[in-house]
Every structure is written in structure tokens, then in C-alpha cells.
Amino acid sequence: MSRPLIGITTSDQKSHLAWCFDWFAVWRHGGKPLRLSPSRPKPESLDGLIIGGGDDIQAHLYGGEVQLDVRLDPARDELELALLERFIPLHTPVLGICRGRN
């Protein structure tokens, strides 16, 4: 039996340690982890999607108040929104991990 392909989103700039932990957790529980970042090609299909933790999401995307003292990753926001728009209609399971400090 083949392992289900589980995409895990990360940043291009950092997240190496977090990626290692996420990779191990997915592999340990029977999945085949696939790192997804803005510079990597998007997969045609996935059996599951994990939106990994990281910097804040841009406030204008959810109607929040813009704050000047937060780190943002607009390229990652764009990637994750595109992945969600593609895979939610296909009923792909999604796990979202905290992005931001609030």
C-alpha cells in the first residue's frame, strides 16, 4: 500500500527546522510528505494538505487591522490561498497550523 501524499506549506526564507518536524510527523504516521513553498511547483493532486505555521497573514486578506510590527510573507499567502481554492472543492482534508502571533 502506498503512502498518502501530504503537502506541507513552508516559507522560502526559513522554516527548515519546522519542516523537519512536520516531515517526520507525517512520515511517522504513514504519509508521504511533500514540501510546498512559493518557489516550488504546485502539485497536481494531494491526499491531504497541511498549512504550516509561520509569519502573520496579511491583515487585508481577512479584514483585519494592519500592524506595522509584524513579519509578513505575501508570496506564501498567495500560495496557500491558491492551494486552498484548488483542494477544498475536491474535499481534500486540510490541517491549518498557526500563522502569526494573534
N, C-alpha and C. Protein backbone atom coordinates (compact mmCIF):
# COMPACT_ATOMS: atom_id res chain seq x y z
N MET A 1 0.84 -1.17 0.00
CA MET A 1 0.00 0.00 0.00
C MET A 1 0.89 1.24 0.00
N SER A 2 0.59 2.20 -0.87
CA SER A 2 1.42 3.40 -0.94
C SER A 2 0.98 4.42 0.12
N ARG A 3 1.91 5.25 0.50
CA ARG A 3 1.64 6.29 1.50
C ARG A 3 0.84 7.42 0.85
N PRO A 4 -0.14 8.00 1.57
CA PRO A 4 -0.86 9.14 1.02
C PRO A 4 0.07 10.36 0.94
N LEU A 5 -0.07 11.12 -0.14
CA LEU A 5 0.76 12.29 -0.37
C LEU A 5 0.18 13.48 0.39
N ILE A 6 0.96 14.01 1.33
CA ILE A 6 0.52 15.12 2.18
C ILE A 6 1.41 16.32 1.91
N GLY A 7 0.81 17.38 1.36
CA GLY A 7 1.54 18.61 1.11
C GLY A 7 1.63 19.45 2.37
N ILE A 8 2.81 20.03 2.61
CA ILE A 8 3.04 20.87 3.79
C ILE A 8 3.61 22.20 3.31
N THR A 9 2.89 23.30 3.59
CA THR A 9 3.38 24.60 3.14
C THR A 9 4.43 25.15 4.09
N THR A 10 5.43 25.80 3.50
CA THR A 10 6.50 26.45 4.25
C THR A 10 6.90 27.73 3.52
N SER A 11 7.73 28.51 4.18
CA SER A 11 8.30 29.71 3.59
C SER A 11 9.54 29.36 2.78
N ASP A 12 9.88 30.21 1.82
CA ASP A 12 11.14 30.03 1.10
C ASP A 12 12.32 30.52 1.94
N GLN A 13 12.09 31.49 2.83
CA GLN A 13 13.18 32.12 3.56
C GLN A 13 13.63 31.36 4.79
N LYS A 14 12.75 30.65 5.44
CA LYS A 14 13.10 29.97 6.69
C LYS A 14 12.26 28.72 6.83
N SER A 15 12.04 28.27 8.01
CA SER A 15 11.19 27.11 8.29
C SER A 15 11.89 25.77 8.15
N HIS A 16 13.22 25.75 8.03
CA HIS A 16 13.87 24.45 7.84
C HIS A 16 13.64 23.51 9.03
N LEU A 17 13.80 24.02 10.24
CA LEU A 17 13.59 23.17 11.41
C LEU A 17 12.13 22.74 11.52
N ALA A 18 11.21 23.68 11.33
CA ALA A 18 9.79 23.33 11.38
C ALA A 18 9.45 22.30 10.31
N TRP A 19 10.01 22.45 9.11
CA TRP A 19 9.79 21.49 8.03
C TRP A 19 10.25 20.09 8.45
N CYS A 20 11.40 20.01 9.09
CA CYS A 20 11.91 18.70 9.53
C CYS A 20 10.94 18.02 10.50
N PHE A 21 10.42 18.78 11.45
CA PHE A 21 9.46 18.22 12.40
C PHE A 21 8.17 17.82 11.72
N ASP A 22 7.67 18.68 10.82
CA ASP A 22 6.44 18.35 10.09
C ASP A 22 6.64 17.12 9.21
N TRP A 23 7.79 17.08 8.51
CA TRP A 23 8.10 15.94 7.65
C TRP A 23 8.07 14.65 8.47
N PHE A 24 8.77 14.67 9.61
CA PHE A 24 8.86 13.47 10.43
C PHE A 24 7.48 13.05 10.94
N ALA A 25 6.66 14.00 11.40
CA ALA A 25 5.33 13.67 11.92
C ALA A 25 4.47 13.02 10.85
N VAL A 26 4.49 13.57 9.64
CA VAL A 26 3.69 12.99 8.55
C VAL A 26 4.23 11.61 8.18
N TRP A 27 5.53 11.50 8.01
CA TRP A 27 6.13 10.21 7.65
C TRP A 27 5.86 9.16 8.71
N ARG A 28 6.03 9.54 9.99
CA ARG A 28 5.85 8.61 11.11
C ARG A 28 4.43 8.05 11.16
N HIS A 29 3.47 8.83 10.70
CA HIS A 29 2.08 8.39 10.74
C HIS A 29 1.59 7.85 9.40
N GLY A 30 2.53 7.51 8.53
CA GLY A 30 2.18 6.78 7.32
C GLY A 30 2.02 7.61 6.06
N GLY A 31 2.28 8.90 6.12
CA GLY A 31 2.14 9.75 4.95
C GLY A 31 3.45 9.95 4.21
N LYS A 32 3.33 10.46 3.00
CA LYS A 32 4.49 10.83 2.20
C LYS A 32 4.51 12.36 2.15
N PRO A 33 5.40 13.02 2.92
CA PRO A 33 5.40 14.48 2.99
C PRO A 33 5.96 15.11 1.72
N LEU A 34 5.34 16.22 1.30
CA LEU A 34 5.79 16.98 0.14
C LEU A 34 5.88 18.45 0.55
N ARG A 35 7.08 19.02 0.47
CA ARG A 35 7.26 20.43 0.85
C ARG A 35 6.71 21.33 -0.25
N LEU A 36 5.85 22.25 0.17
CA LEU A 36 5.26 23.22 -0.76
C LEU A 36 5.68 24.61 -0.32
N SER A 37 6.30 25.36 -1.21
CA SER A 37 6.69 26.75 -0.92
C SER A 37 6.49 27.56 -2.19
N PRO A 38 6.52 28.88 -2.08
CA PRO A 38 6.26 29.71 -3.26
C PRO A 38 7.17 29.41 -4.45
N SER A 39 8.41 29.00 -4.22
CA SER A 39 9.34 28.75 -5.32
C SER A 39 9.24 27.33 -5.90
N ARG A 40 8.43 26.49 -5.31
CA ARG A 40 8.31 25.11 -5.79
C ARG A 40 7.03 24.96 -6.63
N PRO A 41 7.04 24.05 -7.59
CA PRO A 41 5.82 23.86 -8.39
C PRO A 41 4.68 23.31 -7.55
N LYS A 42 3.47 23.70 -7.91
CA LYS A 42 2.28 23.21 -7.20
C LYS A 42 1.96 21.79 -7.67
N PRO A 43 1.53 20.93 -6.76
CA PRO A 43 1.21 19.54 -7.14
C PRO A 43 -0.12 19.46 -7.89
N GLU A 44 -0.23 18.44 -8.71
CA GLU A 44 -1.49 18.19 -9.42
C GLU A 44 -2.54 17.59 -8.49
N SER A 45 -2.07 16.77 -7.56
CA SER A 45 -3.01 16.14 -6.63
C SER A 45 -2.34 15.95 -5.28
N LEU A 46 -3.17 15.91 -4.25
CA LEU A 46 -2.73 15.64 -2.89
C LEU A 46 -3.79 14.81 -2.19
N ASP A 47 -3.36 14.01 -1.23
CA ASP A 47 -4.31 13.28 -0.39
C ASP A 47 -4.65 14.07 0.87
N GLY A 48 -3.83 15.06 1.21
CA GLY A 48 -4.06 15.91 2.37
C GLY A 48 -3.17 17.13 2.27
N LEU A 49 -3.54 18.19 2.96
CA LEU A 49 -2.79 19.44 2.92
C LEU A 49 -2.63 19.98 4.34
N ILE A 50 -1.40 20.34 4.67
CA ILE A 50 -1.12 20.99 5.95
C ILE A 50 -0.63 22.40 5.64
N ILE A 51 -1.35 23.40 6.17
CA ILE A 51 -0.90 24.78 6.09
C ILE A 51 -0.02 24.99 7.32
N GLY A 52 1.28 25.00 7.09
CA GLY A 52 2.23 25.05 8.20
C GLY A 52 2.25 26.39 8.91
N GLY A 53 2.85 26.41 10.09
CA GLY A 53 2.96 27.63 10.88
C GLY A 53 3.97 28.59 10.29
N GLY A 54 3.90 29.85 10.73
CA GLY A 54 4.86 30.83 10.24
C GLY A 54 4.44 32.26 10.51
N ASP A 55 4.96 33.16 9.68
CA ASP A 55 4.70 34.59 9.83
C ASP A 55 3.22 34.91 9.70
N ASP A 56 2.87 36.14 10.12
CA ASP A 56 1.47 36.59 10.05
C ASP A 56 0.93 36.57 8.63
N ILE A 57 -0.36 36.39 8.53
CA ILE A 57 -1.08 36.53 7.27
C ILE A 57 -1.38 38.01 7.08
N GLN A 58 -1.30 38.51 5.86
CA GLN A 58 -1.59 39.91 5.60
C GLN A 58 -3.01 40.25 6.06
N ALA A 59 -3.13 41.28 6.88
CA ALA A 59 -4.40 41.63 7.51
C ALA A 59 -5.50 41.95 6.51
N HIS A 60 -5.16 42.53 5.37
CA HIS A 60 -6.20 42.88 4.40
C HIS A 60 -6.90 41.65 3.82
N LEU A 61 -6.27 40.48 3.93
CA LEU A 61 -6.88 39.25 3.39
C LEU A 61 -8.07 38.78 4.22
N TYR A 62 -8.12 39.16 5.49
CA TYR A 62 -9.23 38.73 6.34
C TYR A 62 -9.96 39.91 6.98
N GLY A 63 -9.71 41.12 6.49
CA GLY A 63 -10.41 42.28 7.03
C GLY A 63 -9.89 42.75 8.36
N GLY A 64 -8.66 42.37 8.70
CA GLY A 64 -8.09 42.76 9.99
C GLY A 64 -7.42 44.11 9.94
N GLU A 65 -6.93 44.53 11.07
CA GLU A 65 -6.25 45.81 11.20
C GLU A 65 -4.77 45.62 10.89
N VAL A 66 -4.25 46.43 9.97
CA VAL A 66 -2.85 46.35 9.58
C VAL A 66 -1.98 46.83 10.74
N GLN A 67 -0.94 46.06 11.05
CA GLN A 67 0.01 46.42 12.10
C GLN A 67 1.40 46.49 11.48
N LEU A 68 2.17 47.45 11.91
CA LEU A 68 3.48 47.67 11.31
C LEU A 68 4.58 46.80 11.92
N ASP A 69 4.34 46.21 13.06
CA ASP A 69 5.40 45.47 13.77
C ASP A 69 5.30 43.95 13.60
N VAL A 70 4.79 43.49 12.47
CA VAL A 70 4.67 42.05 12.25
C VAL A 70 5.43 41.66 10.98
N ARG A 71 5.88 40.43 10.95
CA ARG A 71 6.53 39.89 9.75
C ARG A 71 5.46 39.27 8.87
N LEU A 72 5.56 39.53 7.57
CA LEU A 72 4.60 39.01 6.60
C LEU A 72 5.33 38.21 5.53
N ASP A 73 4.59 37.34 4.85
CA ASP A 73 5.13 36.56 3.75
C ASP A 73 4.07 36.52 2.64
N PRO A 74 3.95 37.62 1.86
CA PRO A 74 2.90 37.70 0.84
C PRO A 74 2.94 36.57 -0.19
N ALA A 75 4.13 36.12 -0.57
CA ALA A 75 4.23 35.03 -1.55
C ALA A 75 3.64 33.75 -0.98
N ARG A 76 3.87 33.51 0.29
CA ARG A 76 3.30 32.31 0.92
C ARG A 76 1.78 32.43 1.06
N ASP A 77 1.29 33.64 1.40
CA ASP A 77 -0.15 33.85 1.46
C ASP A 77 -0.79 33.49 0.12
N GLU A 78 -0.18 33.96 -0.95
CA GLU A 78 -0.71 33.69 -2.30
C GLU A 78 -0.71 32.19 -2.60
N LEU A 79 0.38 31.52 -2.26
CA LEU A 79 0.47 30.07 -2.47
C LEU A 79 -0.63 29.33 -1.71
N GLU A 80 -0.77 29.65 -0.43
CA GLU A 80 -1.73 28.92 0.39
C GLU A 80 -3.17 29.18 -0.05
N LEU A 81 -3.47 30.40 -0.42
CA LEU A 81 -4.82 30.68 -0.92
C LEU A 81 -5.10 29.90 -2.21
N ALA A 82 -4.11 29.84 -3.10
CA ALA A 82 -4.28 29.08 -4.35
C ALA A 82 -4.48 27.59 -4.06
N LEU A 83 -3.70 27.05 -3.12
CA LEU A 83 -3.85 25.63 -2.77
C LEU A 83 -5.22 25.35 -2.16
N LEU A 84 -5.67 26.23 -1.27
CA LEU A 84 -6.98 26.05 -0.65
C LEU A 84 -8.09 26.14 -1.70
N GLU A 85 -7.99 27.09 -2.61
CA GLU A 85 -9.01 27.23 -3.66
C GLU A 85 -9.04 25.99 -4.55
N ARG A 86 -7.89 25.38 -4.75
CA ARG A 86 -7.83 24.18 -5.60
C ARG A 86 -8.33 22.92 -4.88
N PHE A 87 -7.89 22.71 -3.62
CA PHE A 87 -8.12 21.43 -2.98
C PHE A 87 -9.36 21.35 -2.09
N ILE A 88 -9.86 22.45 -1.57
CA ILE A 88 -11.08 22.38 -0.77
C ILE A 88 -12.28 21.87 -1.59
N PRO A 89 -12.47 22.37 -2.83
CA PRO A 89 -13.60 21.83 -3.61
C PRO A 89 -13.49 20.33 -3.91
N LEU A 90 -12.29 19.80 -3.83
CA LEU A 90 -12.08 18.36 -4.05
C LEU A 90 -12.24 17.56 -2.76
N HIS A 91 -12.61 18.25 -1.67
CA HIS A 91 -12.80 17.64 -0.35
C HIS A 91 -11.52 17.02 0.20
N THR A 92 -10.39 17.65 -0.14
CA THR A 92 -9.10 17.22 0.40
C THR A 92 -9.02 17.65 1.86
N PRO A 93 -8.67 16.76 2.77
CA PRO A 93 -8.51 17.15 4.17
C PRO A 93 -7.43 18.22 4.33
N VAL A 94 -7.71 19.22 5.16
CA VAL A 94 -6.76 20.32 5.41
C VAL A 94 -6.57 20.49 6.91
N LEU A 95 -5.31 20.62 7.32
CA LEU A 95 -4.97 20.95 8.70
C LEU A 95 -4.25 22.29 8.68
N GLY A 96 -4.77 23.26 9.41
CA GLY A 96 -4.12 24.57 9.49
C GLY A 96 -3.41 24.73 10.81
N ILE A 97 -2.11 25.08 10.75
CA ILE A 97 -1.32 25.36 11.95
C ILE A 97 -1.14 26.86 12.05
N CYS A 98 -1.00 27.38 13.23
CA CYS A 98 -0.93 28.82 13.49
C CYS A 98 0.01 29.56 12.55
N ARG A 99 -0.51 30.66 12.01
CA ARG A 99 0.34 31.61 11.27
C ARG A 99 0.15 32.96 11.92
N GLY A 100 1.15 33.44 12.60
CA GLY A 100 1.09 34.75 13.22
C GLY A 100 1.07 34.66 14.73
N ARG A 101 1.05 35.80 15.32
CA ARG A 101 1.16 35.86 16.78
C ARG A 101 -0.17 36.08 17.46
N ASN A 102 -1.21 36.42 16.74
CA ASN A 102 -2.51 36.70 17.37
C ASN A 102 -3.49 35.58 17.14
